[in-house]
């Protein structure tokens, strides 16, 4: 919509001044480049022999099209605008699209990160300084935190503590067994939950800290898969520990059921914090998703896992991790096959079979009400549109509401968790670092190649595009591959080379449930967040979101020092 001028631009906005010189009856049509196969939409009628001021969104490049009354397209161009930039477009009778000029310098998009670092770096310095004082006993005992005791800590969304694991860092010479927690796993969990909190708080309102509108992937799209993968590793280690201690399987299964129900209830209660209207209440959510996939994966392991590692004393011992988990993998593959068959063969009224798009403006609005294909259809059929992700449509495609934690995608999410379970089984089946690393590298490469082939190593052109909303197979394989890769790096640095102890992420990762619940419940309250004074740039939003994240991390660290752990 036109404005009198281009003052008071907000973040991710630019101003376009359109000068029309004796060119009557034209209009400007626009569309975001991110909107794949979308028709352009009318933005503004252009004043003849005058100036039209238009505020534009700068997140994605924009298609611009000048059209006259007879719908003749006189000029079409793709242009990238920068935040707070002022641009001038002189339109004459020849309709030259190359006449867009920048007349005012844009704001440095990444300058706010300098201010954020001024907050983050001192926070790390304070943490390490406090640790140093405690190690050197400089602080009087009355002011010191209680020292950590050796507790069996349940440190995950519904999983038990890491079983003490035998680490043989020397390769290949056998060394004395050193049994201790897998610090790299706690560290990975801590990194994941910190990023999750930061992104959920807003991520400074930067687009790359938000989820992709449909196909594609951003940093935010990796976080949940990493967390689910870590949960899978913990499932394998925790259940093996319980079975080795001669706990009856029915009691282990009882714990699995109890934790799953607890997560489900917490998720439903959390959803009611901001919306307790039963007409629009959203039954699905992150904790509910974790409850379902945890129940499936943990139940399979409870039924089939052996109390001791599987040995054949033959050449097959090199794949004993696969042999031991063959039955579980068969069931998981069946679940994925069911997902694939439903996705591509389920008839959806008014939609082509196998449709994976966002509906709305996609494909020139030919599949207007087909958002998410079979997955979206099932969710709308079961829950209704008013109960899906608070009824929020996709702003790019202007499509129907779609729930990213829907029913069908639970099946592929189970596959992702089971990748983590298998990573944990590799730890349990092999004692030496090189044996573990070689297998994890193999999984990293194979999963990455499969995911890349499914999406044709592109954003839009593959058989199964990479898509977080649908939890598509290509997305599952690629994010699973990335989780293996990051864990390899952390395992080598922390467990093998002993270059870093994982602090402070290690300690934070042991209170992840508190962080998730806390930042959601107190989302818009002081001292974590406030109404920004300056809404024209990312600076205050980024500093505020960093501050809130650091504050929650500080709470988790104090709780760790005091041996306070919120468990399920």
Protein backbone atom coordinates (compact mmCIF):
# COMPACT_ATOMS: atom_id res chain seq x y z
CA UNK A 1 0.00 0.00 0.00
CA UNK A 2 1.35 3.41 -0.91
CA UNK A 3 2.33 5.86 1.77
CA UNK A 4 2.87 9.59 1.75
CA UNK A 5 6.57 9.11 2.20
CA UNK A 6 9.10 6.53 3.26
CA UNK A 7 9.84 7.67 6.76
CA UNK A 8 9.79 5.37 9.77
CA UNK A 9 10.79 2.22 7.94
CA UNK A 10 10.73 -0.87 10.15
CA UNK A 11 13.23 -3.71 10.05
CA UNK A 12 13.27 -5.68 6.78
CA UNK A 13 11.72 -2.76 4.93
CA UNK A 14 12.91 -0.57 2.08
CA UNK A 15 11.31 2.30 0.19
CA UNK A 16 10.72 2.47 -3.57
CA UNK A 17 9.94 5.85 -5.12
CA UNK A 18 8.27 5.35 -8.49
CA UNK A 19 8.44 8.38 -10.81
CA UNK A 20 6.09 8.12 -13.80
CA UNK A 21 6.78 10.60 -16.59
CA UNK A 22 3.75 10.86 -18.91
CA UNK A 23 2.93 7.15 -18.56
CA UNK A 24 -0.77 6.88 -17.65
CA UNK A 25 -2.82 3.91 -16.45
CA UNK A 26 -0.09 1.61 -15.21
CA UNK A 27 0.11 -0.50 -12.07
CA UNK A 28 2.90 -2.27 -10.26
CA UNK A 29 2.57 -6.01 -9.67
CA UNK A 30 4.89 -7.85 -7.29
CA UNK A 31 5.76 -11.24 -5.88
CA UNK A 32 8.47 -12.65 -3.64
CA UNK A 33 11.05 -14.84 -5.33
CA UNK A 34 10.50 -17.29 -2.46
CA UNK A 35 6.93 -17.87 -3.69
CA UNK A 36 7.65 -20.71 -6.13
CA UNK A 37 5.50 -20.77 -9.29
CA UNK A 38 3.26 -18.00 -7.95
CA UNK A 39 1.47 -15.37 -10.01
CA UNK A 40 2.33 -11.76 -9.32
CA UNK A 41 -0.15 -9.76 -7.25
CA UNK A 42 -1.17 -6.18 -7.79
CA UNK A 43 0.69 -3.89 -5.40
CA UNK A 44 -0.11 -0.33 -6.39
CA UNK A 45 -1.53 1.94 -9.08
CA UNK A 46 1.20 4.28 -10.26
CA UNK A 47 0.41 8.01 -10.31
CA UNK A 48 1.05 9.62 -13.69
CA UNK A 49 3.41 12.61 -13.66
CA UNK A 50 3.94 12.14 -9.94
CA UNK A 51 5.68 10.09 -7.28
CA UNK A 52 4.32 6.93 -5.71
CA UNK A 53 5.98 5.79 -2.47
CA UNK A 54 5.92 2.06 -1.76
CA UNK A 55 7.26 0.19 1.26
CA UNK A 56 8.78 -3.16 0.36
CA UNK A 57 9.81 -6.27 2.27
CA UNK A 58 13.54 -6.94 1.93
CA UNK A 59 13.77 -10.55 3.17
CA UNK A 60 13.61 -12.05 -0.32
CA UNK A 61 14.26 -10.67 -3.78
CA UNK A 62 11.13 -9.33 -5.47
CA UNK A 63 9.68 -9.74 -8.94
CA UNK A 64 8.39 -6.39 -10.25
CA UNK A 65 6.05 -6.05 -13.21
CA UNK A 66 4.61 -2.92 -14.83
CA UNK A 67 1.17 -3.56 -16.36
CA UNK A 68 -1.22 -1.22 -18.19
CA UNK A 69 -5.02 -1.29 -18.29
CA UNK A 70 -5.05 -3.88 -21.07
CA UNK A 71 -3.02 -6.23 -18.83
CA UNK A 72 -0.07 -5.93 -21.17
CA UNK A 73 3.18 -6.71 -19.31
CA UNK A 74 5.54 -3.91 -20.27
CA UNK A 75 8.44 -4.72 -17.98
CA UNK A 76 9.43 -7.51 -15.58
CA UNK A 77 12.53 -7.63 -13.41
CA UNK A 78 13.90 -9.36 -10.32
CA UNK A 79 15.46 -6.96 -7.85
CA UNK A 80 17.03 -7.29 -4.42
CA UNK A 81 16.28 -4.49 -1.98
CA UNK A 82 18.23 -3.94 1.24
CA UNK A 83 16.96 -2.95 4.65
CA UNK A 84 16.21 0.79 5.03
CA UNK A 85 17.47 1.47 1.52
CA UNK A 86 15.66 4.09 -0.55
CA UNK A 87 15.34 3.36 -4.26
CA UNK A 88 14.12 5.39 -7.20
CA UNK A 89 12.49 4.05 -10.36
CA UNK A 90 12.01 6.49 -13.22
CA UNK A 91 9.39 5.16 -15.62
CA UNK A 92 9.14 6.62 -19.09
CA UNK A 93 7.33 5.49 -22.21
CA UNK A 94 10.01 2.89 -22.99
CA UNK A 95 9.40 1.07 -19.64
CA UNK A 96 13.07 0.48 -18.89
CA UNK A 97 13.37 -1.94 -15.95
CA UNK A 98 17.04 -1.14 -15.48
CA UNK A 99 16.25 2.33 -14.15
CA UNK A 100 15.92 1.29 -10.49
CA UNK A 101 18.62 3.22 -8.63
CA UNK A 102 19.62 3.34 -5.00
CA UNK A 103 19.48 6.92 -3.70
CA UNK A 104 20.00 6.22 0.01
CA UNK A 105 22.39 3.72 1.52
CA UNK A 106 20.81 0.72 3.27
CA UNK A 107 21.48 -0.20 6.87
CA UNK A 108 24.16 -2.78 7.63
CA UNK A 109 22.06 -5.89 8.22
CA UNK A 110 24.69 -7.59 10.38
CA UNK A 111 25.78 -4.64 12.53
CA UNK A 112 23.40 -5.71 15.36
CA UNK A 113 25.52 -8.86 15.77
CA UNK A 114 28.37 -6.66 17.02
CA UNK A 115 26.15 -5.44 19.86
CA UNK A 116 24.99 -9.00 20.53
CA UNK A 117 28.60 -10.15 20.82
CA UNK A 118 29.23 -7.39 23.36
CA UNK A 119 26.64 -9.17 25.48
CA UNK A 120 27.56 -12.79 24.71
CA UNK A 121 31.36 -12.59 25.14
CA UNK A 122 31.27 -11.03 28.65
CA UNK A 123 28.66 -13.64 29.64
CA UNK A 124 31.05 -16.44 28.69
CA UNK A 125 33.89 -14.63 30.45
CA UNK A 126 31.87 -14.37 33.67
CA UNK A 127 31.01 -18.08 33.52
CA UNK A 128 34.61 -19.20 33.06
CA UNK A 129 35.80 -16.75 35.73
CA UNK A 130 33.32 -18.16 38.25
CA UNK A 131 34.45 -21.69 37.39
CA UNK A 132 38.07 -20.66 37.85
CA UNK A 133 37.37 -19.17 41.27
CA UNK A 134 35.57 -22.30 42.36
CA UNK A 135 38.34 -24.62 41.15
CA UNK A 136 41.00 -22.59 42.95
CA UNK A 137 38.92 -22.27 46.14
CA UNK A 138 39.39 -18.49 46.11
CA UNK A 139 35.72 -17.98 46.92
CA UNK A 140 34.88 -18.63 50.60
CA UNK A 141 32.94 -21.84 51.07
CA UNK A 142 29.86 -20.01 52.30
CA UNK A 143 29.51 -18.33 48.89
CA UNK A 144 30.34 -21.39 46.82
CA UNK A 145 27.75 -23.52 45.06
CA UNK A 146 27.27 -27.02 46.33
CA UNK A 147 29.63 -29.40 44.59
CA UNK A 148 28.09 -31.79 42.11
CA UNK A 149 27.33 -35.26 43.34
CA UNK A 150 27.23 -38.44 41.32
CA UNK A 151 23.51 -38.65 40.57
CA UNK A 152 21.47 -40.69 38.15
CA UNK A 153 20.09 -37.75 36.24
CA UNK A 154 17.24 -37.97 33.79
CA UNK A 155 18.37 -35.23 31.49
CA UNK A 156 16.22 -35.44 28.43
CA UNK A 157 12.63 -35.02 27.30
CA UNK A 158 11.58 -38.40 28.66
CA UNK A 159 14.85 -40.31 28.69
CA UNK A 160 17.16 -41.39 31.43
CA UNK A 161 20.68 -40.41 32.18
CA UNK A 162 23.61 -41.41 30.06
CA UNK A 163 24.89 -44.81 31.14
CA UNK A 164 28.55 -44.68 32.09
CA UNK A 165 30.22 -45.74 28.86
CA UNK A 166 33.62 -47.29 28.29
CA UNK A 167 35.85 -44.90 26.37
CA UNK A 168 39.05 -46.10 24.74
CA UNK A 169 40.66 -42.96 23.37
CA UNK A 170 43.94 -44.64 22.44
CA UNK A 171 43.79 -46.29 19.03
CA UNK A 172 44.25 -49.22 18.74
CA UNK A 173 46.23 -50.07 21.91
CA UNK A 174 43.88 -51.26 24.68
CA UNK A 175 43.88 -49.01 27.72
CA UNK A 176 42.38 -49.12 31.15
CA UNK A 177 38.60 -48.70 31.08
CA UNK A 178 37.40 -45.23 31.94
CA UNK A 179 33.67 -45.11 32.63
CA UNK A 180 31.92 -41.78 32.71
CA UNK A 181 29.05 -39.83 31.22
CA UNK A 182 29.09 -39.07 27.53
CA UNK A 183 29.77 -35.39 27.92
CA UNK A 184 29.62 -34.78 24.17
CA UNK A 185 25.99 -35.94 24.16
CA UNK A 186 25.01 -33.53 26.95
CA UNK A 187 26.92 -30.82 25.08
CA UNK A 188 25.06 -31.51 21.84
CA UNK A 189 21.76 -31.41 23.71
CA UNK A 190 22.77 -28.15 25.36
CA UNK A 191 23.68 -26.54 22.04
CA UNK A 192 20.37 -27.70 20.55
CA UNK A 193 18.19 -26.40 23.39
CA UNK A 194 20.00 -23.04 23.49
CA UNK A 195 19.43 -22.56 19.76
CA UNK A 196 15.82 -23.68 20.18
CA UNK A 197 15.21 -21.10 22.91
CA UNK A 198 16.89 -18.34 20.88
CA UNK A 199 14.92 -19.15 17.73
CA UNK A 200 11.60 -19.49 19.57
CA UNK A 201 12.15 -16.13 21.23
CA UNK A 202 12.41 -14.56 17.79
CA UNK A 203 16.06 -14.82 16.75
CA UNK A 204 16.30 -11.06 16.39
CA UNK A 205 13.63 -11.30 13.68
CA UNK A 206 16.25 -12.38 11.13
CA UNK A 207 14.85 -14.57 8.36
CA UNK A 208 17.69 -17.12 8.64
CA UNK A 209 16.71 -17.72 12.28
CA UNK A 210 13.17 -18.51 11.16
CA UNK A 211 11.84 -21.65 9.52
CA UNK A 212 11.74 -21.85 5.73
CA UNK A 213 8.29 -20.78 4.41
CA UNK A 214 7.92 -24.15 2.68
CA UNK A 215 10.65 -25.99 0.76
CA UNK A 216 14.26 -25.31 1.69
CA UNK A 217 16.13 -25.25 4.96
CA UNK A 218 17.50 -22.67 7.39
CA UNK A 219 19.46 -22.94 10.64
CA UNK A 220 16.17 -23.02 12.57
CA UNK A 221 15.10 -26.14 10.64
CA UNK A 222 18.05 -28.16 11.96
CA UNK A 223 17.38 -27.63 15.66
CA UNK A 224 14.42 -29.96 16.30
CA UNK A 225 15.99 -32.85 14.31
CA UNK A 226 19.20 -32.49 16.31
CA UNK A 227 17.26 -32.60 19.56
CA UNK A 228 15.27 -35.65 18.43
CA UNK A 229 18.47 -37.39 17.33
CA UNK A 230 20.09 -36.75 20.73
CA UNK A 231 16.98 -38.12 22.40
CA UNK A 232 17.39 -41.28 20.32
CA UNK A 233 20.99 -41.75 21.50
CA UNK A 234 19.86 -41.36 25.11
CA UNK A 235 17.07 -43.91 24.61
CA UNK A 236 19.54 -46.59 23.55
CA UNK A 237 21.98 -45.92 26.37
CA UNK A 238 19.35 -45.54 29.09
CA UNK A 239 17.35 -48.65 28.21
CA UNK A 240 20.46 -50.81 27.89
CA UNK A 241 21.46 -49.63 31.36
CA UNK A 242 18.07 -50.59 32.80
CA UNK A 243 18.05 -53.99 31.12
CA UNK A 244 21.60 -54.76 32.25
CA UNK A 245 20.56 -54.06 35.83
CA UNK A 246 18.02 -56.89 35.47
CA UNK A 247 15.00 -54.57 35.52
CA UNK A 248 12.02 -56.47 34.15
CA UNK A 249 10.89 -55.32 30.73
CA UNK A 250 7.34 -54.69 31.94
CA UNK A 251 8.68 -52.16 34.46
CA UNK A 252 10.86 -50.54 31.79
CA UNK A 253 7.82 -50.30 29.54
CA UNK A 254 5.83 -48.81 32.40
CA UNK A 255 8.39 -46.02 32.70
CA UNK A 256 8.21 -45.43 28.95
CA UNK A 257 4.42 -45.10 29.13
CA UNK A 258 4.58 -42.81 32.16
CA UNK A 259 7.11 -40.49 30.55
CA UNK A 260 5.20 -40.40 27.27
CA UNK A 261 1.96 -39.48 29.05
CA UNK A 262 3.76 -36.84 31.12
CA UNK A 263 5.19 -35.22 27.99
CA UNK A 264 1.79 -35.33 26.29
CA UNK A 265 0.05 -33.66 29.22
CA UNK A 266 2.76 -31.01 29.55
CA UNK A 267 2.41 -30.21 25.86
CA UNK A 268 -1.36 -29.82 26.10
CA UNK A 269 -1.08 -27.61 29.19
CA UNK A 270 1.63 -25.52 27.52
CA UNK A 271 -0.59 -24.97 24.47
CA UNK A 272 -3.33 -23.67 26.75
CA UNK A 273 -1.10 -20.94 28.23
CA UNK A 274 -1.83 -18.58 25.34
CA UNK A 275 -5.03 -20.17 24.06
CA UNK A 276 -7.52 -22.00 26.26
CA UNK A 277 -10.43 -21.49 23.88
CA UNK A 278 -11.67 -24.98 23.00
CA UNK A 279 -12.93 -23.71 19.63
CA UNK A 280 -9.39 -22.88 18.51
CA UNK A 281 -7.23 -24.93 20.88
CA UNK A 282 -4.28 -26.63 19.17
CA UNK A 283 -3.92 -30.26 20.32
CA UNK A 284 -0.60 -30.91 18.59
CA UNK A 285 2.76 -29.40 19.47
CA UNK A 286 6.43 -30.09 20.03
CA UNK A 287 6.11 -31.90 23.36
CA UNK A 288 3.25 -33.98 22.01
CA UNK A 289 5.39 -34.92 19.02
CA UNK A 290 8.28 -35.87 21.31
CA UNK A 291 5.90 -37.96 23.42
CA UNK A 292 4.73 -40.01 20.41
CA UNK A 293 8.12 -40.59 18.81
CA UNK A 294 9.72 -41.34 22.17
CA UNK A 295 7.00 -43.90 22.89
CA UNK A 296 7.47 -45.64 19.53
CA UNK A 297 11.28 -45.76 19.66
CA UNK A 298 11.53 -46.65 23.36
CA UNK A 299 8.86 -49.34 23.04
CA UNK A 300 10.72 -51.00 20.17
CA UNK A 301 13.93 -51.00 22.18
CA UNK A 302 12.19 -52.25 25.31
CA UNK A 303 10.81 -55.23 23.38
CA UNK A 304 13.81 -56.15 21.25
CA UNK A 305 16.98 -54.78 22.86
CA UNK A 306 19.33 -57.36 24.38
CA UNK A 307 20.74 -56.69 27.86
CA UNK A 308 24.26 -57.35 26.56
CA UNK A 309 25.93 -56.49 23.21
CA UNK A 310 25.44 -59.06 20.47
CA UNK A 311 28.53 -61.10 19.53
CA UNK A 312 28.70 -63.86 16.89
CA UNK A 313 32.47 -64.52 17.05
CA UNK A 314 32.43 -64.43 13.25
CA UNK A 315 33.13 -61.85 10.57
CA UNK A 316 29.60 -60.58 11.11
CA UNK A 317 30.79 -58.94 14.31
CA UNK A 318 31.77 -55.90 12.21
CA UNK A 319 28.06 -55.24 11.67
CA UNK A 320 26.77 -56.47 15.01
CA UNK A 321 25.10 -53.12 15.63
CA UNK A 322 22.96 -53.68 12.52
CA UNK A 323 22.31 -57.36 13.34
CA UNK A 324 21.24 -56.48 16.87
CA UNK A 325 18.77 -53.85 15.66
CA UNK A 326 17.50 -55.63 12.52
CA UNK A 327 13.97 -56.21 13.83
CA UNK A 328 13.63 -52.62 15.03
CA UNK A 329 14.81 -51.29 11.69
CA UNK A 330 12.33 -53.48 9.81
CA UNK A 331 9.47 -51.95 11.81
CA UNK A 332 10.81 -48.40 11.33
CA UNK A 333 11.15 -49.00 7.57
CA UNK A 334 7.55 -50.26 7.49
CA UNK A 335 6.43 -47.04 9.20
CA UNK A 336 8.32 -44.98 6.61
CA UNK A 337 6.80 -47.07 3.80
CA UNK A 338 3.32 -46.40 5.22
CA UNK A 339 4.15 -42.68 5.28
CA UNK A 340 5.33 -42.78 1.66
CA UNK A 341 2.31 -44.74 0.39
CA UNK A 342 -0.15 -42.39 2.11
CA UNK A 343 1.74 -39.30 0.94
CA UNK A 344 1.77 -40.28 -2.74
CA UNK A 345 -1.35 -42.45 -3.14
CA UNK A 346 -4.01 -41.10 -0.78
CA UNK A 347 -6.77 -39.38 -2.80
CA UNK A 348 -7.21 -35.80 -1.58
CA UNK A 349 -10.41 -34.11 -2.83
CA UNK A 350 -9.64 -31.47 -5.43
CA UNK A 351 -5.90 -32.11 -5.34
CA UNK A 352 -3.47 -34.13 -7.48
CA UNK A 353 -2.11 -37.33 -5.96
CA UNK A 354 1.28 -36.94 -4.33
CA UNK A 355 1.01 -33.16 -4.06
CA UNK A 356 3.69 -31.85 -1.67
CA UNK A 357 3.25 -28.13 -2.16
CA UNK A 358 1.97 -25.33 0.07
CA UNK A 359 -1.27 -24.71 -1.83
CA UNK A 360 -2.46 -21.13 -1.91
CA UNK A 361 -0.66 -19.12 -4.60
CA UNK A 362 1.59 -22.06 -5.54
CA UNK A 363 1.25 -23.32 -9.13
CA UNK A 364 -0.68 -20.21 -10.12
CA UNK A 365 -3.27 -20.91 -7.41
CA UNK A 366 -4.34 -24.14 -9.16
CA UNK A 367 -4.08 -26.11 -5.89
CA UNK A 368 -5.52 -23.44 -3.63
CA UNK A 369 -6.84 -25.71 -0.85
CA UNK A 370 -4.23 -28.47 -1.11
CA UNK A 371 -1.74 -27.24 1.50
CA UNK A 372 0.54 -30.10 2.52
CA UNK A 373 -1.21 -32.65 0.31
CA UNK A 374 -2.15 -35.84 2.16
CA UNK A 375 -0.52 -34.70 5.42
CA UNK A 376 -2.50 -31.46 5.55
CA UNK A 377 -5.71 -33.22 4.49
CA UNK A 378 -5.46 -35.78 7.30
CA UNK A 379 -4.81 -33.11 9.93
CA UNK A 380 -7.66 -30.90 8.72
CA UNK A 381 -9.95 -33.92 8.64
CA UNK A 382 -9.06 -35.00 12.19
CA UNK A 383 -8.58 -31.65 13.94
CA UNK A 384 -10.20 -29.03 11.71
CA UNK A 385 -8.57 -25.85 10.38
CA UNK A 386 -9.21 -23.87 13.56
CA UNK A 387 -7.12 -26.28 15.61
CA UNK A 388 -3.95 -26.25 13.51
CA UNK A 389 -1.00 -24.13 14.56
CA UNK A 390 -3.38 -21.48 15.91
CA UNK A 391 -4.97 -21.17 12.48
CA UNK A 392 -2.04 -19.24 11.01
CA UNK A 393 -1.77 -19.44 7.19
CA UNK A 394 1.53 -19.33 5.32
CA UNK A 395 2.26 -15.60 4.73
CA UNK A 396 4.25 -16.18 1.53
CA UNK A 397 1.81 -18.48 -0.22
CA UNK A 398 -1.36 -17.23 1.54
CA UNK A 399 -2.36 -20.85 1.99
CA UNK A 400 -4.50 -22.85 4.41
CA UNK A 401 -3.29 -23.39 7.99
CA UNK A 402 -0.84 -26.27 8.29
CA UNK A 403 0.48 -27.93 11.43
CA UNK A 404 4.21 -28.82 11.27
CA UNK A 405 3.68 -31.27 14.16
CA UNK A 406 0.89 -33.10 12.39
CA UNK A 407 -0.07 -36.78 12.37
CA UNK A 408 1.61 -38.14 9.24
CA UNK A 409 5.01 -36.54 9.77
CA UNK A 410 5.27 -38.39 13.11
CA UNK A 411 6.28 -41.47 11.11
CA UNK A 412 9.30 -39.86 9.46
CA UNK A 413 10.20 -38.16 12.73
CA UNK A 414 10.38 -41.64 14.25
CA UNK A 415 12.98 -42.52 11.60
CA UNK A 416 15.03 -39.51 12.68
CA UNK A 417 14.92 -40.55 16.33
CA UNK A 418 15.91 -44.05 15.37
CA UNK A 419 19.00 -42.75 13.62
CA UNK A 420 19.99 -41.42 17.03
CA UNK A 421 19.12 -44.76 18.65
CA UNK A 422 21.47 -46.48 16.23
CA UNK A 423 24.23 -43.98 16.97
CA UNK A 424 23.83 -44.89 20.63
CA UNK A 425 23.89 -48.60 19.79
CA UNK A 426 27.22 -48.10 18.02
CA UNK A 427 28.58 -46.67 21.28
CA UNK A 428 27.32 -49.73 23.16
CA UNK A 429 28.54 -52.32 20.63
CA UNK A 430 32.05 -51.01 19.98
CA UNK A 431 34.63 -50.01 22.57
CA UNK A 432 37.24 -48.14 20.54
CA UNK A 433 36.91 -44.64 19.20
CA UNK A 434 38.03 -45.56 15.68
CA UNK A 435 35.37 -48.30 15.48
CA UNK A 436 32.67 -45.82 16.42
CA UNK A 437 33.90 -42.95 14.28
CA UNK A 438 34.17 -45.05 11.11
CA UNK A 439 30.58 -46.19 11.44
CA UNK A 440 29.26 -42.74 12.26
CA UNK A 441 31.09 -41.31 9.23
CA UNK A 442 29.53 -44.01 7.05
CA UNK A 443 26.07 -43.08 8.32
CA UNK A 444 26.80 -39.39 7.74
CA UNK A 445 27.78 -39.95 4.12
CA UNK A 446 25.04 -42.46 3.25
CA UNK A 447 22.24 -40.43 4.82
CA UNK A 448 23.47 -37.21 3.22
CA UNK A 449 23.64 -38.82 -0.25
CA UNK A 450 20.19 -40.39 0.06
CA UNK A 451 18.69 -37.09 1.17
CA UNK A 452 20.48 -35.21 -1.58
CA UNK A 453 19.30 -37.64 -4.26
CA UNK A 454 15.69 -37.46 -3.06
CA UNK A 455 15.67 -33.66 -3.36
CA UNK A 456 17.98 -33.71 -6.41
CA UNK A 457 20.43 -31.53 -4.43
CA UNK A 458 18.12 -28.59 -5.09
CA UNK A 459 15.40 -26.67 -3.31
CA UNK A 460 12.42 -27.28 -5.57
CA UNK A 461 13.23 -29.77 -8.33
CA UNK A 462 13.61 -33.11 -6.56
CA UNK A 463 11.20 -36.03 -6.23
CA UNK A 464 10.84 -35.25 -2.51
CA UNK A 465 11.89 -31.65 -1.74
CA UNK A 466 13.55 -30.89 1.56
CA UNK A 467 10.71 -29.65 3.75
CA UNK A 468 10.57 -29.18 7.52
CA UNK A 469 6.81 -28.63 7.63
CA UNK A 470 6.15 -32.03 6.07
CA UNK A 471 9.15 -33.67 7.78
CA UNK A 472 9.89 -35.01 4.29
CA UNK A 473 12.19 -37.97 3.78
CA UNK A 474 14.90 -35.83 2.19
CA UNK A 475 14.72 -33.44 5.15
CA UNK A 476 14.91 -36.35 7.60
CA UNK A 477 17.96 -37.88 5.92
CA UNK A 478 19.85 -34.58 5.54
CA UNK A 479 19.24 -33.38 9.10
CA UNK A 480 20.05 -36.85 10.42
CA UNK A 481 23.31 -36.74 8.49
CA UNK A 482 24.13 -33.34 9.98
CA UNK A 483 23.45 -34.66 13.50
CA UNK A 484 25.91 -37.53 12.98
CA UNK A 485 28.50 -35.07 11.69
CA UNK A 486 28.21 -32.66 14.61
CA UNK A 487 28.29 -35.49 17.14
CA UNK A 488 31.44 -36.89 15.51
CA UNK A 489 33.15 -33.52 15.93
CA UNK A 490 32.01 -33.11 19.53
CA UNK A 491 32.91 -36.70 20.43
CA UNK A 492 36.44 -36.33 19.08
CA UNK A 493 37.04 -32.95 20.73
CA UNK A 494 35.52 -33.81 24.11
CA UNK A 495 35.85 -37.59 24.59
CA UNK A 496 38.85 -38.53 22.45
CA UNK A 497 41.25 -35.60 22.31
CA UNK A 498 40.03 -34.11 25.62
CA UNK A 499 40.47 -30.57 24.29
CA UNK A 500 37.29 -29.23 25.87
CA UNK A 501 34.95 -30.32 28.63
CA UNK A 502 31.79 -29.13 26.88
CA UNK A 503 31.11 -26.39 29.43
CA UNK A 504 28.77 -24.54 29.69
CA UNK A 505 26.64 -26.39 27.11
CA UNK A 506 27.17 -29.68 28.91
CA UNK A 507 25.59 -28.39 32.13
CA UNK A 508 22.79 -26.56 30.31
CA UNK A 509 21.88 -29.69 28.35
CA UNK A 510 21.05 -31.52 31.58
CA UNK A 511 18.10 -29.22 32.30
CA UNK A 512 16.60 -28.98 28.83
CA UNK A 513 12.99 -29.60 29.91
CA UNK A 514 13.17 -26.64 32.30
CA UNK A 515 14.53 -24.37 29.60
CA UNK A 516 11.86 -25.36 27.10
CA UNK A 517 8.95 -24.99 29.50
CA UNK A 518 10.31 -21.84 31.13
CA UNK A 519 10.95 -19.80 28.01
CA UNK A 520 7.51 -20.69 26.63
CA UNK A 521 5.58 -19.91 29.81
CA UNK A 522 7.41 -16.63 30.50
CA UNK A 523 7.80 -15.71 26.84
CA UNK A 524 6.62 -12.09 27.07
CA UNK A 525 7.48 -11.22 30.65
CA UNK A 526 10.16 -9.20 32.36
CA UNK A 527 13.08 -9.55 32.91
CA UNK A 528 13.41 -11.69 29.79
CA UNK A 529 11.56 -9.56 27.27
CA UNK A 530 10.03 -6.10 26.98
CA UNK A 531 8.27 -3.94 24.41
CA UNK A 532 11.08 -2.71 22.10
CA UNK A 533 11.72 1.02 22.20
CA UNK A 534 13.19 1.05 18.69
CA UNK A 535 11.33 -1.17 16.23
CA UNK A 536 13.06 0.17 13.14
CA UNK A 537 15.98 -2.27 13.15
CA UNK A 538 17.00 -5.74 14.30
CA UNK A 539 19.35 -4.38 16.98
CA UNK A 540 17.06 -4.24 19.99
CA UNK A 541 15.27 -7.44 19.04
CA UNK A 542 18.56 -9.32 18.68
CA UNK A 543 20.00 -7.98 21.93
CA UNK A 544 16.75 -8.74 23.75
CA UNK A 545 16.59 -12.31 22.42
CA UNK A 546 20.26 -12.90 23.26
CA UNK A 547 19.71 -11.48 26.73
CA UNK A 548 16.68 -13.72 27.34
CA UNK A 549 18.57 -16.79 26.11
CA UNK A 550 21.59 -15.98 28.31
CA UNK A 551 19.30 -15.42 31.29
CA UNK A 552 17.71 -18.86 30.84
CA UNK A 553 21.14 -20.43 30.44
CA UNK A 554 22.28 -18.77 33.68
CA UNK A 555 19.25 -20.22 35.48
CA UNK A 556 20.08 -23.69 34.12
CA UNK A 557 23.71 -23.35 35.22
CA UNK A 558 22.77 -22.30 38.74
CA UNK A 559 20.32 -25.19 38.96
CA UNK A 560 23.07 -27.56 37.82
CA UNK A 561 25.43 -26.24 40.48
CA UNK A 562 22.72 -26.70 43.09
CA UNK A 563 21.97 -30.23 41.83
CA UNK A 564 18.43 -29.23 40.86
CA UNK A 565 17.14 -31.08 37.81
CA UNK A 566 13.65 -30.99 36.33
CA UNK A 567 12.96 -34.52 35.08
CA UNK A 568 10.13 -36.39 33.40
